[in-house]
Protein backbone atom coordinates (compact mmCIF):
# COMPACT_ATOMS: atom_id res chain seq x y z
CA VAL A 1 3.99 -28.61 -21.28
CA LYS A 2 7.66 -26.90 -21.94
CA ASP A 3 10.16 -29.31 -22.43
CA GLU A 4 14.03 -28.11 -21.95
CA GLY A 5 14.91 -28.78 -25.82
CA GLN A 6 12.01 -26.73 -27.31
CA GLN A 7 11.67 -22.85 -27.53
CA PRO A 8 9.10 -20.93 -25.28
CA GLN A 9 5.31 -22.22 -25.94
CA MET A 10 2.59 -20.14 -24.50
CA VAL A 11 0.66 -21.99 -21.95
CA PHE A 12 -2.98 -22.68 -21.81
CA THR A 13 -4.42 -22.82 -18.08
CA VAL A 14 -8.62 -23.50 -18.08
CA ARG A 15 -9.79 -22.81 -13.89
CA HIS A 16 -13.08 -22.46 -13.51
CA ALA A 17 -14.70 -21.88 -17.32
CA THR A 18 -12.10 -19.19 -17.57
CA VAL A 19 -8.98 -19.37 -20.06
CA THR A 20 -5.91 -17.25 -18.90
CA PHE A 21 -2.68 -17.68 -21.23
CA GLN A 22 1.15 -17.14 -19.51
CA THR A 23 3.92 -16.43 -21.78
CA ASP A 24 7.80 -16.37 -20.55
CA GLY A 25 7.53 -13.32 -19.89
CA ASP A 26 5.04 -11.33 -17.62
CA THR A 27 1.51 -11.90 -18.57
CA TRP A 28 -1.50 -10.21 -19.47
CA ARG A 29 -2.65 -9.42 -16.20
CA GLU A 30 0.90 -8.02 -14.93
CA GLN A 31 1.34 -6.17 -18.55
CA LYS A 32 -2.17 -4.42 -18.21
CA GLU A 33 -1.24 -3.25 -14.07
CA LYS A 34 1.99 -1.73 -15.48
CA LYS A 35 0.00 -0.09 -18.34
CA ALA A 36 -2.39 1.08 -15.60
CA ALA A 37 0.24 1.74 -13.30
CA LEU A 38 2.02 4.17 -15.46
CA MET A 39 -1.28 5.79 -16.86
CA VAL A 40 -1.55 6.72 -13.35
CA GLY A 41 1.45 8.26 -12.94
CA ILE A 42 1.46 10.45 -15.87
CA LEU A 43 -1.87 11.07 -14.73
CA ILE A 44 -0.59 12.08 -11.30
CA GLY A 45 2.77 14.02 -12.83
CA VAL A 46 0.37 16.10 -15.25
CA PHE A 47 -1.89 16.80 -12.32
CA VAL A 48 1.62 18.50 -10.29
CA LEU A 49 2.47 19.96 -13.07
CA CYS A 50 -0.59 21.81 -13.98
CA TRP A 51 -1.07 22.90 -10.02
CA ILE A 52 1.77 23.12 -8.14
CA PRO A 53 2.58 27.14 -9.69
CA PHE A 54 -0.68 28.39 -8.23
CA PHE A 55 -0.58 26.07 -5.04
CA ILE A 56 2.96 27.69 -4.70
CA THR A 57 1.67 31.08 -5.26
CA GLU A 58 -1.11 30.81 -3.51
CA LEU A 59 0.72 29.82 -0.27
CA ILE A 60 4.06 31.88 -0.63
CA VAL A 61 2.61 35.40 -1.44
CA PRO A 62 1.02 35.83 2.01
CA LEU A 63 3.59 34.27 4.08
CA CYS A 64 6.48 36.98 2.13
CA SER A 65 4.26 39.58 1.30
CA CYS A 66 5.70 39.90 -2.52
CA ASP A 67 3.09 41.12 -4.82
CA ILE A 68 2.85 38.99 -8.12
CA PRO A 69 0.95 40.71 -10.79
CA PRO A 70 -2.61 39.59 -11.86
CA VAL A 71 -1.50 38.17 -15.04
CA TRP A 72 0.65 35.88 -13.74
CA LYS A 73 -1.91 34.85 -10.49
CA SER A 74 -4.27 34.46 -13.40
CA ILE A 75 -1.60 32.15 -15.92
CA PHE A 76 -1.30 29.89 -12.84
CA LEU A 77 -4.97 29.11 -12.34
CA TRP A 78 -5.52 29.06 -16.15
CA LEU A 79 -2.93 26.36 -16.39
CA GLY A 80 -4.35 24.12 -13.46
CA TYR A 81 -7.63 24.33 -15.48
CA SER A 82 -5.74 22.83 -17.85
CA ASN A 83 -5.34 19.75 -16.16
CA SER A 84 -8.82 19.12 -17.02
CA PHE A 85 -8.34 19.13 -20.96
CA PHE A 86 -4.95 17.46 -20.65
CA ASN A 87 -6.84 14.04 -18.58
CA PRO A 88 -9.35 12.95 -21.41
CA LEU A 89 -5.67 12.63 -23.71
CA ILE A 90 -4.06 10.59 -21.16
CA TYR A 91 -7.41 8.44 -20.95
CA THR A 92 -7.46 7.97 -24.36
CA ALA A 93 -4.02 7.32 -25.24
CA PHE A 94 -3.65 4.34 -22.88
CA ASN A 95 -7.01 3.03 -23.02
CA LYS A 96 -8.49 1.23 -25.87
CA ASN A 97 -12.14 1.36 -24.49
CA TYR A 98 -12.03 5.68 -23.65
CA ASN A 99 -10.26 5.65 -27.20
CA ASN A 100 -12.94 4.04 -29.02
CA ALA A 101 -15.55 5.96 -26.90
CA LEU A 102 -14.11 9.43 -27.81
CA ARG A 103 -13.93 8.50 -31.42
CA ASN A 104 -17.41 7.62 -31.84
CA LEU A 105 -18.63 10.23 -29.69
CA PHE A 106 -16.43 13.11 -32.32
CA SER A 107 -17.28 10.76 -35.35
CA ARG A 108 -19.53 11.75 -37.80
CA GLN A 109 -22.88 9.72 -37.49
CA ARG A 110 -23.82 8.04 -40.66
């Protein structure tokens, strides 16, 4: 219970044998949802940045009869492939469970 004259306090609510914690700010669930939304936004942004050069060249070249050197086509293709390298790094940065599992996978077994 909060009184107007007191500092904000943590509120404990028990419903169906689960305990939820709520502070004056965002609830823990809202904080998790914001973090998940940020991670998905970054994943989509990195995907677009990695693959857009490849798709633009593959769509524009036949229409304008341009000739792009094979080296650039290869660079754009490998930039798209590099997206697969960035995904685990992004997951590791935002997900503690994934981070712990990846750390256990690469740490030395004792």
